[in-house]
C-alpha cells in the first residue's frame, strides 16, 4: 500500500478528539468534557489506516459521495491488513462518523469520530434529528445535546454505546460573517454611594441574596416541530391547509 503525504489529508479533526468507551466520555487527553454541549455539525469520511495512523482521508460532500470502501479494500492485498482490537485482520479503509461539538462557555471544541456500530447508530439518530428540524426551522439551527449512552448488544456481550440526547434547539441566525452568536449576560453593576454616618446606617438584612451566576445562551430558542407541520410538508398542495 503506497503511503500518501500528510498534506493530502483533509483536516477532519477540529479541537480535541472525543471518545465514548462503554458509556464513559473522555477526550484524547483523558479529561471529562462538560455533559452539555452544542452540536455544531456532522460529517462522514472514509479513512485509510496504516500503523494505526490515517494515511488518506476522503470527506463526504454534497457533490462528492463516499466511495465504496469494500472496493477500495479489494485493491489492497490481504497480507497488508493489520490486526484490529479483536486480533483479526482489519481492512485499511473504514467509514467514520463525525460529530462536531463545542462548549459555548469556554469556546472549547471537540470532534467525536469513530467507525464502530455504536458510533454509526448515534450519528444516524442525530442526523435524522438535524434533517427533520432543519426542514421545519431552517438551516441555521443547532441542537444542545447531552453526552449520553444507551445499551447495545455486541459480540462481547451488552455494552454501552454513545448517544447524543437533544435537550433543545437554537437558531444561530444568518448574521454577517463573524457575527457574535454566543451572548454572555453580564452581572448587573452596583453603584457605590457615599457611606452614611454610622448612627444612620440601616441594619444589615437577615439574609443576603447571592449574586446570580453568569449565564450563556446560544442563539435564539427554537419551538419544537409539530406533527401538523411534518405532515403538511409531505402532503400534495391541494391537500394542504391554507
C-alpha atoms as a PDB file:
ATOM      1  CA  UNK A   1       0.000   0.000   0.000  1.00  0.00           C
ATOM      2  CA  UNK A   2       1.552   3.261  -1.123  1.00  0.00           C
ATOM      3  CA  UNK A   3       1.951   5.898   1.557  1.00  0.00           C
ATOM      4  CA  UNK A   4       0.354   9.257   0.846  1.00  0.00           C
ATOM      5  CA  UNK A   5       1.846  12.544   2.074  1.00  0.00           C
ATOM      6  CA  UNK A   6       0.238  14.073   5.135  1.00  0.00           C
ATOM      7  CA  UNK A   7      -0.520  17.299   3.269  1.00  0.00           C
ATOM      8  CA  UNK A   8      -3.111  15.438   1.177  1.00  0.00           C
ATOM      9  CA  UNK A   9      -5.153  14.533   4.247  1.00  0.00           C
ATOM     10  CA  UNK A  10      -8.027  17.000   4.800  1.00  0.00           C
ATOM     11  CA  UNK A  11      -8.383  18.428   8.269  1.00  0.00           C
ATOM     12  CA  UNK A  12     -11.333  16.452   9.589  1.00  0.00           C
ATOM     13  CA  UNK A  13     -10.433  16.911  13.264  1.00  0.00           C
ATOM     14  CA  UNK A  14     -11.413  20.170  14.959  1.00  0.00           C
ATOM     15  CA  UNK A  15     -10.302  20.713  18.542  1.00  0.00           C
ATOM     16  CA  UNK A  16      -9.727  17.618  20.678  1.00  0.00           C
ATOM     17  CA  UNK A  17     -10.825  14.089  19.745  1.00  0.00           C
ATOM     18  CA  UNK A  18     -13.693  12.870  21.929  1.00  0.00           C
ATOM     19  CA  UNK A  19     -14.263   9.196  22.749  1.00  0.00           C
ATOM     20  CA  UNK A  20     -17.027   7.166  24.348  1.00  0.00           C
ATOM     21  CA  UNK A  21     -15.840   3.802  25.688  1.00  0.00           C
ATOM     22  CA  UNK A  22     -18.628   1.646  27.110  1.00  0.00           C
ATOM     23  CA  UNK A  23     -20.661   4.731  28.013  1.00  0.00           C
ATOM     24  CA  UNK A  24     -17.796   6.761  29.504  1.00  0.00           C
ATOM     25  CA  UNK A  25     -16.971  10.014  27.733  1.00  0.00           C
ATOM     26  CA  UNK A  26     -13.387  11.257  27.713  1.00  0.00           C
ATOM     27  CA  UNK A  27     -11.265  13.309  25.369  1.00  0.00           C
ATOM     28  CA  UNK A  28      -7.923  12.297  23.929  1.00  0.00           C
ATOM     29  CA  UNK A  29      -6.159  13.984  26.864  1.00  0.00           C
ATOM     30  CA  UNK A  30      -8.059  11.821  29.349  1.00  0.00           C
ATOM     31  CA  UNK A  31     -10.250  14.700  30.556  1.00  0.00           C
ATOM     32  CA  UNK A  32     -14.007  14.516  31.055  1.00  0.00           C
ATOM     33  CA  UNK A  33     -15.868  17.023  28.854  1.00  0.00           C
ATOM     34  CA  UNK A  34     -18.922  19.014  30.009  1.00  0.00           C
ATOM     35  CA  UNK A  35     -22.129  16.985  29.977  1.00  0.00           C
ATOM     36  CA  UNK A  36     -23.942  19.530  27.801  1.00  0.00           C
ATOM     37  CA  UNK A  37     -22.509  20.803  24.517  1.00  0.00           C
ATOM     38  CA  UNK A  38     -23.649  22.374  21.270  1.00  0.00           C
ATOM     39  CA  UNK A  39     -23.604  20.020  18.271  1.00  0.00           C
ATOM     40  CA  UNK A  40     -22.394  22.330  15.516  1.00  0.00           C
ATOM     41  CA  UNK A  41     -22.383  19.812  12.678  1.00  0.00           C
ATOM     42  CA  UNK A  42     -21.998  16.258  11.437  1.00  0.00           C
ATOM     43  CA  UNK A  43     -19.941  14.588   8.716  1.00  0.00           C
ATOM     44  CA  UNK A  44     -18.832  11.263   7.257  1.00  0.00           C
ATOM     45  CA  UNK A  45     -15.459  10.323   5.865  1.00  0.00           C
ATOM     46  CA  UNK A  46     -13.540   7.321   4.573  1.00  0.00           C
ATOM     47  CA  UNK A  47     -10.051   6.894   6.032  1.00  0.00           C
ATOM     48  CA  UNK A  48      -7.233   4.538   5.151  1.00  0.00           C
ATOM     49  CA  UNK A  49      -5.113   3.399   8.100  1.00  0.00           C
ATOM     50  CA  UNK A  50      -1.549   2.174   8.345  1.00  0.00           C
ATOM     51  CA  UNK A  51       0.397   1.633  11.566  1.00  0.00           C
ATOM     52  CA  UNK A  52      -2.677   2.987  13.393  1.00  0.00           C
ATOM     53  CA  UNK A  53      -2.393   6.318  11.618  1.00  0.00           C
ATOM     54  CA  UNK A  54      -4.663   7.701   8.878  1.00  0.00           C
ATOM     55  CA  UNK A  55      -2.701   7.982   5.636  1.00  0.00           C
ATOM     56  CA  UNK A  56      -5.562   9.100   3.411  1.00  0.00           C
ATOM     57  CA  UNK A  57      -8.934  10.729   4.088  1.00  0.00           C
ATOM     58  CA  UNK A  58     -11.917  11.303   1.794  1.00  0.00           C
ATOM     59  CA  UNK A  59     -14.593  13.614   3.212  1.00  0.00           C
ATOM     60  CA  UNK A  60     -18.165  13.243   2.007  1.00  0.00           C
ATOM     61  CA  UNK A  61     -19.689  16.376   0.479  1.00  0.00           C
ATOM     62  CA  UNK A  62     -22.920  17.187  -1.344  1.00  0.00           C
ATOM     63  CA  UNK A  63     -21.013  16.942  -4.635  1.00  0.00           C
ATOM     64  CA  UNK A  64     -18.781  14.014  -3.690  1.00  0.00           C
ATOM     65  CA  UNK A  65     -20.359  10.950  -2.055  1.00  0.00           C
ATOM     66  CA  UNK A  66     -18.091   8.485  -0.320  1.00  0.00           C
ATOM     67  CA  UNK A  67     -16.623   5.701  -2.463  1.00  0.00           C
ATOM     68  CA  UNK A  68     -17.435   2.090  -1.670  1.00  0.00           C
ATOM     69  CA  UNK A  69     -14.815   1.116   0.928  1.00  0.00           C
ATOM     70  CA  UNK A  70     -15.184  -2.569   0.031  1.00  0.00           C
ATOM     71  CA  UNK A  71     -13.994  -1.722  -3.493  1.00  0.00           C
ATOM     72  CA  UNK A  72     -11.085   0.289  -2.074  1.00  0.00           C
ATOM     73  CA  UNK A  73     -10.081  -2.516   0.288  1.00  0.00           C
ATOM     74  CA  UNK A  74     -10.295  -5.076  -2.538  1.00  0.00           C
ATOM     75  CA  UNK A  75      -7.423  -3.247  -4.244  1.00  0.00           C
ATOM     76  CA  UNK A  76      -5.143  -3.779  -1.227  1.00  0.00           C
ATOM     77  CA  UNK A  77      -3.510  -7.218  -0.728  1.00  0.00           C
ATOM     78  CA  UNK A  78      -4.962  -9.024   2.297  1.00  0.00           C
ATOM     79  CA  UNK A  79      -1.433  -9.647   3.604  1.00  0.00           C
ATOM     80  CA  UNK A  80      -1.143  -5.894   4.221  1.00  0.00           C
ATOM     81  CA  UNK A  81      -4.196  -5.829   6.502  1.00  0.00           C
ATOM     82  CA  UNK A  82      -3.278  -5.026  10.092  1.00  0.00           C
ATOM     83  CA  UNK A  83      -4.861  -6.664  13.133  1.00  0.00           C
ATOM     84  CA  UNK A  84      -7.780  -4.937  14.811  1.00  0.00           C
ATOM     85  CA  UNK A  85      -8.633  -4.868  18.518  1.00  0.00           C
ATOM     86  CA  UNK A  86     -10.177  -8.330  18.179  1.00  0.00           C
ATOM     87  CA  UNK A  87      -6.939  -9.750  16.779  1.00  0.00           C
ATOM     88  CA  UNK A  88      -8.421 -10.309  13.329  1.00  0.00           C
ATOM     89  CA  UNK A  89      -7.196  -8.651  10.101  1.00  0.00           C
ATOM     90  CA  UNK A  90      -8.878  -5.268   9.706  1.00  0.00           C
ATOM     91  CA  UNK A  91      -9.449  -3.722   6.268  1.00  0.00           C
ATOM     92  CA  UNK A  92      -7.412  -0.498   5.934  1.00  0.00           C
ATOM     93  CA  UNK A  93     -10.325   1.611   4.620  1.00  0.00           C
ATOM     94  CA  UNK A  94     -13.051   2.398   7.154  1.00  0.00           C
ATOM     95  CA  UNK A  95     -16.082   4.701   7.093  1.00  0.00           C
ATOM     96  CA  UNK A  96     -16.003   7.026  10.089  1.00  0.00           C
ATOM     97  CA  UNK A  97     -18.853   9.024  11.594  1.00  0.00           C
ATOM     98  CA  UNK A  98     -18.161  12.536  12.853  1.00  0.00           C
ATOM     99  CA  UNK A  99     -19.951  14.940  15.209  1.00  0.00           C
ATOM    100  CA  UNK A 100     -18.556  18.411  15.954  1.00  0.00           C
ATOM    101  CA  UNK A 101     -19.212  19.746  19.456  1.00  0.00           C
ATOM    102  CA  UNK A 102     -18.483  22.998  21.295  1.00  0.00           C
ATOM    103  CA  UNK A 103     -18.726  24.340  24.830  1.00  0.00           C
ATOM    104  CA  UNK A 104     -20.453  27.761  24.500  1.00  0.00           C
ATOM    105  CA  UNK A 105     -18.966  28.914  27.821  1.00  0.00           C
ATOM    106  CA  UNK A 106     -15.264  28.265  27.188  1.00  0.00           C
ATOM    107  CA  UNK A 107     -15.284  28.029  23.383  1.00  0.00           C
ATOM    108  CA  UNK A 108     -13.512  24.653  23.577  1.00  0.00           C
ATOM    109  CA  UNK A 109     -14.289  22.282  20.729  1.00  0.00           C
ATOM    110  CA  UNK A 110     -14.259  18.516  20.277  1.00  0.00           C
ATOM    111  CA  UNK A 111     -14.572  16.064  17.408  1.00  0.00           C
ATOM    112  CA  UNK A 112     -16.294  12.747  18.029  1.00  0.00           C
ATOM    113  CA  UNK A 113     -15.072  10.382  15.302  1.00  0.00           C
ATOM    114  CA  UNK A 114     -15.316   6.601  15.152  1.00  0.00           C
ATOM    115  CA  UNK A 115     -16.193   3.724  12.847  1.00  0.00           C
ATOM    116  CA  UNK A 116     -17.919   1.407  15.336  1.00  0.00           C
ATOM    117  CA  UNK A 117     -21.508   0.239  15.062  1.00  0.00           C
ATOM    118  CA  UNK A 118     -22.388   2.235  18.173  1.00  0.00           C
ATOM    119  CA  UNK A 119     -20.908   5.396  16.663  1.00  0.00           C
ATOM    120  CA  UNK A 120     -22.884   4.820  13.466  1.00  0.00           C
ATOM    121  CA  UNK A 121     -26.149   4.456  15.394  1.00  0.00           C
ATOM    122  CA  UNK A 122     -25.531   7.622  17.420  1.00  0.00           C
ATOM    123  CA  UNK A 123     -24.542   9.528  14.267  1.00  0.00           C
ATOM    124  CA  UNK A 124     -27.584   8.359  12.294  1.00  0.00           C
ATOM    125  CA  UNK A 125     -30.012   9.207  15.105  1.00  0.00           C
ATOM    126  CA  UNK A 126     -28.580  12.717  15.418  1.00  0.00           C
ATOM    127  CA  UNK A 127     -28.510  13.110  11.624  1.00  0.00           C
ATOM    128  CA  UNK A 128     -32.232  12.291  11.410  1.00  0.00           C
ATOM    129  CA  UNK A 129     -32.994  14.959  14.014  1.00  0.00           C
ATOM    130  CA  UNK A 130     -30.843  17.508  12.183  1.00  0.00           C
ATOM    131  CA  UNK A 131     -32.581  16.750   8.892  1.00  0.00           C
ATOM    132  CA  UNK A 132     -36.166  16.977  10.169  1.00  0.00           C
ATOM    133  CA  UNK A 133     -35.678  20.037  12.362  1.00  0.00           C
ATOM    134  CA  UNK A 134     -33.792  21.957   9.676  1.00  0.00           C
ATOM    135  CA  UNK A 135     -36.524  21.070   7.230  1.00  0.00           C
ATOM    136  CA  UNK A 136     -39.033  22.676   9.590  1.00  0.00           C
ATOM    137  CA  UNK A 137     -36.972  25.521  11.063  1.00  0.00           C
ATOM    138  CA  UNK A 138     -34.206  26.339   8.563  1.00  0.00           C
ATOM    139  CA  UNK A 139     -30.528  25.552   8.077  1.00  0.00           C
ATOM    140  CA  UNK A 140     -29.193  27.732  10.906  1.00  0.00           C
ATOM    141  CA  UNK A 141     -30.496  25.739  13.855  1.00  0.00           C
ATOM    142  CA  UNK A 142     -28.306  23.518  16.033  1.00  0.00           C
ATOM    143  CA  UNK A 143     -29.127  21.267  18.990  1.00  0.00           C
ATOM    144  CA  UNK A 144     -27.872  21.499  22.526  1.00  0.00           C
ATOM    145  CA  UNK A 145     -27.086  17.896  23.429  1.00  0.00           C
ATOM    146  CA  UNK A 146     -26.211  15.871  26.482  1.00  0.00           C
ATOM    147  CA  UNK A 147     -23.407  13.337  26.111  1.00  0.00           C
ATOM    148  CA  UNK A 148     -25.271  10.160  26.923  1.00  0.00           C
ATOM    149  CA  UNK A 149     -25.151   6.386  26.467  1.00  0.00           C
ATOM    150  CA  UNK A 150     -27.539   3.575  25.550  1.00  0.00           C
ATOM    151  CA  UNK A 151     -27.244  -0.222  25.962  1.00  0.00           C
ATOM    152  CA  UNK A 152     -26.334  -2.220  22.871  1.00  0.00           C
ATOM    153  CA  UNK A 153     -25.797  -5.936  22.264  1.00  0.00           C
ATOM    154  CA  UNK A 154     -22.380  -6.827  20.852  1.00  0.00           C
ATOM    155  CA  UNK A 155     -20.368  -9.989  20.217  1.00  0.00           C
ATOM    156  CA  UNK A 156     -18.666  -9.280  23.567  1.00  0.00           C
ATOM    157  CA  UNK A 157     -21.967  -9.019  25.453  1.00  0.00           C
ATOM    158  CA  UNK A 158     -24.035  -5.952  26.268  1.00  0.00           C
ATOM    159  CA  UNK A 159     -22.114  -2.701  26.096  1.00  0.00           C
ATOM    160  CA  UNK A 160     -22.965   0.987  26.298  1.00  0.00           C
ATOM    161  CA  UNK A 161     -22.902   2.886  23.013  1.00  0.00           C
ATOM    162  CA  UNK A 162     -22.694   6.691  22.638  1.00  0.00           C
ATOM    163  CA  UNK A 163     -25.865   8.750  22.352  1.00  0.00           C
ATOM    164  CA  UNK A 164     -26.417  12.469  21.750  1.00  0.00           C
ATOM    165  CA  UNK A 165     -29.597  13.337  23.648  1.00  0.00           C
ATOM    166  CA  UNK A 166     -31.102  16.542  22.252  1.00  0.00           C
ATOM    167  CA  UNK A 167     -32.219  18.896  25.034  1.00  0.00           C
ATOM    168  CA  UNK A 168     -33.324  21.842  22.911  1.00  0.00           C
ATOM    169  CA  UNK A 169     -32.719  23.588  19.609  1.00  0.00           C
ATOM    170  CA  UNK A 170     -31.229  27.029  18.979  1.00  0.00           C
ATOM    171  CA  UNK A 171     -31.345  29.307  15.954  1.00  0.00           C
ATOM    172  CA  UNK A 172     -27.942  30.850  15.245  1.00  0.00           C
ATOM    173  CA  UNK A 173     -29.427  33.223  12.670  1.00  0.00           C
ATOM    174  CA  UNK A 174     -27.905  34.255   9.420  1.00  0.00           C
ATOM    175  CA  UNK A 175     -25.999  37.366  10.551  1.00  0.00           C
ATOM    176  CA  UNK A 176     -22.902  38.725   8.874  1.00  0.00           C
ATOM    177  CA  UNK A 177     -19.689  36.655   8.814  1.00  0.00           C
ATOM    178  CA  UNK A 178     -18.057  36.634  12.204  1.00  0.00           C
ATOM    179  CA  UNK A 179     -21.189  37.913  13.929  1.00  0.00           C
ATOM    180  CA  UNK A 180     -21.337  37.061  17.612  1.00  0.00           C
ATOM    181  CA  UNK A 181     -23.756  34.193  18.143  1.00  0.00           C
ATOM    182  CA  UNK A 182     -22.992  33.471  21.793  1.00  0.00           C
ATOM    183  CA  UNK A 183     -24.279  36.032  24.206  1.00  0.00           C
ATOM    184  CA  UNK A 184     -22.726  36.383  27.663  1.00  0.00           C
ATOM    185  CA  UNK A 185     -25.082  38.097  30.058  1.00  0.00           C
ATOM    186  CA  UNK A 186     -23.029  40.174  32.459  1.00  0.00           C
ATOM    187  CA  UNK A 187     -23.939  40.628  36.088  1.00  0.00           C
ATOM    188  CA  UNK A 188     -25.561  43.980  36.974  1.00  0.00           C
ATOM    189  CA  UNK A 189     -23.024  46.516  38.209  1.00  0.00           C
ATOM    190  CA  UNK A 190     -23.930  48.106  41.532  1.00  0.00           C
ATOM    191  CA  UNK A 191     -23.364  51.833  42.002  1.00  0.00           C
ATOM    192  CA  UNK A 192     -21.406  52.937  45.036  1.00  0.00           C
ATOM    193  CA  UNK A 193     -22.787  55.765  47.146  1.00  0.00           C
ATOM    194  CA  UNK A 194     -21.043  57.657  49.921  1.00  0.00           C
ATOM    195  CA  UNK A 195     -21.460  55.820  53.266  1.00  0.00           C
ATOM    196  CA  UNK A 196     -23.852  57.345  55.798  1.00  0.00           C
ATOM    197  CA  UNK A 197     -22.754  58.081  59.322  1.00  0.00           C
ATOM    198  CA  UNK A 198     -22.653  55.012  61.496  1.00  0.00           C
ATOM    199  CA  UNK A 199     -25.668  56.091  63.529  1.00  0.00           C
ATOM    200  CA  UNK A 200     -27.897  56.393  60.487  1.00  0.00           C
ATOM    201  CA  UNK A 201     -26.853  53.247  58.652  1.00  0.00           C
ATOM    202  CA  UNK A 202     -29.681  50.790  58.080  1.00  0.00           C
ATOM    203  CA  UNK A 203     -29.282  47.417  59.788  1.00  0.00           C
ATOM    204  CA  UNK A 204     -27.926  44.634  57.612  1.00  0.00           C
ATOM    205  CA  UNK A 205     -30.636  42.315  56.261  1.00  0.00           C
ATOM    206  CA  UNK A 206     -31.006  38.935  57.920  1.00  0.00           C
ATOM    207  CA  UNK A 207     -30.185  37.125  54.684  1.00  0.00           C
ATOM    208  CA  UNK A 208     -28.171  38.292  51.722  1.00  0.00           C
ATOM    209  CA  UNK A 209     -29.071  37.056  48.279  1.00  0.00           C
ATOM    210  CA  UNK A 210     -26.154  35.660  46.337  1.00  0.00           C
ATOM    211  CA  UNK A 211     -25.263  37.242  43.026  1.00  0.00           C
ATOM    212  CA  UNK A 212     -26.636  35.465  40.023  1.00  0.00           C
ATOM    213  CA  UNK A 213     -24.058  33.436  38.124  1.00  0.00           C
ATOM    214  CA  UNK A 214     -23.248  34.380  34.571  1.00  0.00           C
ATOM    215  CA  UNK A 215     -25.450  32.637  32.075  1.00  0.00           C
ATOM    216  CA  UNK A 216     -24.685  31.806  28.497  1.00  0.00           C
ATOM    217  CA  UNK A 217     -27.197  31.461  25.727  1.00  0.00           C
ATOM    218  CA  UNK A 218     -26.591  30.256  22.194  1.00  0.00           C
ATOM    219  CA  UNK A 219     -28.681  31.909  19.509  1.00  0.00           C
ATOM    220  CA  UNK A 220     -32.445  32.058  19.907  1.00  0.00           C
ATOM    221  CA  UNK A 221     -34.749  29.348  21.287  1.00  0.00           C
ATOM    222  CA  UNK A 222     -36.492  27.238  18.635  1.00  0.00           C
ATOM    223  CA  UNK A 223     -40.019  25.958  19.038  1.00  0.00           C
ATOM    224  CA  UNK A 224     -40.287  22.169  18.619  1.00  0.00           C
ATOM    225  CA  UNK A 225     -41.824  20.927  15.389  1.00  0.00           C
ATOM    226  CA  UNK A 226     -45.448  19.834  15.345  1.00  0.00           C
ATOM    227  CA  UNK A 227     -46.968  16.769  13.727  1.00  0.00           C
ATOM    228  CA  UNK A 228     -49.132  19.032  11.555  1.00  0.00           C
ATOM    229  CA  UNK A 229     -46.019  20.728  10.171  1.00  0.00           C
ATOM    230  CA  UNK A 230     -44.382  17.401   9.378  1.00  0.00           C
ATOM    231  CA  UNK A 231     -47.493  16.062   7.651  1.00  0.00           C
ATOM    232  CA  UNK A 232     -48.182  19.330   5.832  1.00  0.00           C
ATOM    233  CA  UNK A 233     -44.661  19.261   4.450  1.00  0.00           C
ATOM    234  CA  UNK A 234     -45.274  15.926   2.734  1.00  0.00           C
ATOM    235  CA  UNK A 235     -48.875  16.349   1.548  1.00  0.00           C
ATOM    236  CA  UNK A 236     -49.775  17.377  -2.008  1.00  0.00           C
ATOM    237  CA  UNK A 237     -50.524  21.079  -2.375  1.00  0.00           C
ATOM    238  CA  UNK A 238     -54.244  20.542  -2.912  1.00  0.00           C
ATOM    239  CA  UNK A 239     -54.496  18.692   0.444  1.00  0.00           C
ATOM    240  CA  UNK A 240     -52.525  21.228   2.471  1.00  0.00           C
ATOM    241  CA  UNK A 241     -54.424  23.643   4.637  1.00  0.00           C
ATOM    242  CA  UNK A 242     -54.461  27.269   3.557  1.00  0.00           C
END
